[in-house]
Protein backbone atom coordinates (compact mmCIF):
# COMPACT_ATOMS: atom_id res chain seq x y z
CA MET A 1 114.07 101.74 107.27
CA SER A 2 113.28 98.45 105.81
CA GLU A 3 113.28 97.95 102.04
CA LYS A 4 110.51 95.68 102.47
CA THR A 5 108.16 98.11 104.42
CA VAL A 6 105.11 99.40 102.51
CA LEU A 7 102.85 101.94 103.99
CA ILE A 8 99.26 101.70 102.69
CA VAL A 9 97.36 104.84 103.07
CA GLU A 10 93.79 104.05 102.24
CA ASP A 11 90.55 104.70 103.85
CA ASP A 12 88.49 102.04 102.25
CA VAL A 13 88.59 98.96 104.44
CA ILE A 14 88.14 96.53 101.65
CA THR A 15 90.79 98.09 99.35
CA ALA A 16 93.33 98.39 102.27
CA THR A 17 92.81 94.69 103.13
CA MET A 18 93.33 93.70 99.58
CA LEU A 19 96.44 95.68 99.17
CA GLU A 20 97.89 94.27 102.52
CA ARG A 21 97.34 90.69 101.20
CA PHE A 22 99.04 91.56 97.91
CA CYS A 23 101.98 93.04 99.84
CA ARG A 24 102.32 89.97 102.01
CA GLU A 25 102.08 87.67 99.05
CA ALA A 26 104.98 89.66 97.40
CA GLY A 27 107.01 89.13 100.72
CA LEU A 28 106.58 92.82 101.85
CA GLN A 29 105.59 94.14 105.22
CA PRO A 30 102.39 96.35 104.96
CA LEU A 31 101.56 99.09 107.53
CA THR A 32 98.19 100.57 107.24
CA ALA A 33 96.85 104.10 107.87
CA ALA A 34 93.12 105.07 107.19
CA ASP A 35 93.80 108.85 107.25
CA GLY A 36 96.38 111.42 106.57
CA ILE A 37 97.45 112.12 110.10
CA THR A 38 98.03 108.62 110.95
CA ALA A 39 99.71 108.10 107.83
CA LEU A 40 102.36 110.83 108.60
CA GLN A 41 102.89 109.49 111.86
CA LEU A 42 103.59 106.02 110.70
CA TYR A 43 105.83 107.36 108.10
CA GLN A 44 107.96 109.25 110.59
CA GLN A 45 108.13 106.38 112.91
CA GLN A 46 108.79 103.32 110.23
CA GLN A 47 110.32 105.07 107.44
CA PRO A 48 108.95 102.81 104.77
CA ALA A 49 110.51 102.19 101.57
CA VAL A 50 107.23 102.75 99.53
CA ILE A 51 103.89 104.46 100.13
CA LEU A 52 100.88 103.41 98.47
CA LEU A 53 98.81 106.66 98.78
CA ASP A 54 95.16 107.16 98.11
CA ILE A 55 94.29 110.87 97.29
CA ASN A 56 91.00 111.38 99.05
CA LEU A 57 91.58 110.84 102.71
CA PRO A 58 89.99 112.13 105.83
CA GLU A 59 92.08 114.51 108.02
CA LEU A 60 94.69 115.23 105.27
CA HIS A 61 94.51 115.18 101.49
CA GLY A 62 96.78 112.76 99.69
CA VAL A 63 98.23 115.66 97.59
CA SER A 64 99.20 117.33 100.95
CA ILE A 65 100.96 114.19 102.19
CA ALA A 66 103.00 113.72 99.18
CA ASN A 67 104.03 117.42 99.34
CA LEU A 68 105.05 117.19 102.94
CA ILE A 69 107.04 114.21 102.30
CA ARG A 70 108.85 115.60 99.37
CA GLN A 71 109.51 119.05 100.81
CA PHE A 72 110.43 118.30 104.32
CA SER A 73 111.81 114.80 104.56
CA ALA A 74 115.49 113.70 104.13
CA HIS A 75 114.02 110.16 103.71
CA GLN A 76 112.40 109.96 100.20
CA PRO A 77 110.44 106.68 99.69
CA ARG A 78 108.76 105.87 96.50
CA VAL A 79 105.32 107.21 96.44
CA ILE A 80 102.62 105.40 94.34
CA VAL A 81 99.06 107.03 94.11
CA ILE A 82 96.06 104.85 94.13
CA THR A 83 93.07 106.60 92.67
CA SER A 84 89.77 106.10 91.04
CA SER A 85 90.34 109.63 89.50
CA PRO A 86 93.39 109.71 87.11
CA GLU A 87 92.67 113.20 86.42
CA GLN A 88 93.47 114.15 89.96
CA TYR A 89 96.82 112.43 89.45
CA GLU A 90 97.47 114.39 86.31
CA GLU A 91 96.52 117.70 87.75
CA HIS A 92 98.12 117.63 91.21
CA LEU A 93 100.58 114.73 91.59
CA LYS A 94 102.36 114.10 88.30
CA GLY A 95 106.08 114.76 88.82
CA LEU A 96 105.65 114.70 92.66
CA VAL A 97 105.12 110.97 92.88
CA ASP A 98 106.70 107.96 91.45
CA GLY A 99 103.56 106.53 89.58
CA TYR A 100 99.93 105.79 90.14
CA LEU A 101 97.49 102.70 90.03
CA PRO A 102 93.88 103.09 88.96
CA LYS A 103 91.29 101.61 91.06
CA PRO A 104 90.15 98.88 91.20
CA ILE A 105 93.61 97.63 91.70
CA ASN A 106 95.07 95.09 89.39
CA ARG A 107 97.18 92.62 91.40
CA GLN A 108 99.77 92.18 88.72
CA ASP A 109 100.13 95.99 88.12
CA LEU A 110 100.68 96.58 91.72
CA LEU A 111 103.42 93.85 91.80
CA THR A 112 105.11 95.31 88.89
CA LEU A 113 105.17 98.69 90.45
CA LEU A 114 106.51 97.41 93.65
CA GLY A 115 108.98 95.07 91.95
């Protein structure tokens, strides 16, 4: 596990590219997955320190990904949800993850959470 590795799980290419850039600017190494299955594979292979997790994803929902990581993994990264639906965070993920960022992403808010 690298303390500088961030797994970005985001199906929107523009948002994912922006998050990658912000992470690199902060000296972090981004890995990107556009769907839930790929995200879990990268998570198992790379053991990132932080996961930036969109909720609405193809293949596997973000809530399911967070649950799987919390229930079945010895490695417990920080999980930060990125969503345009804060109510989904409040309903399904509060207490399960380490925080959330509303879309559109504010660079400084992201860097503060990653800090």
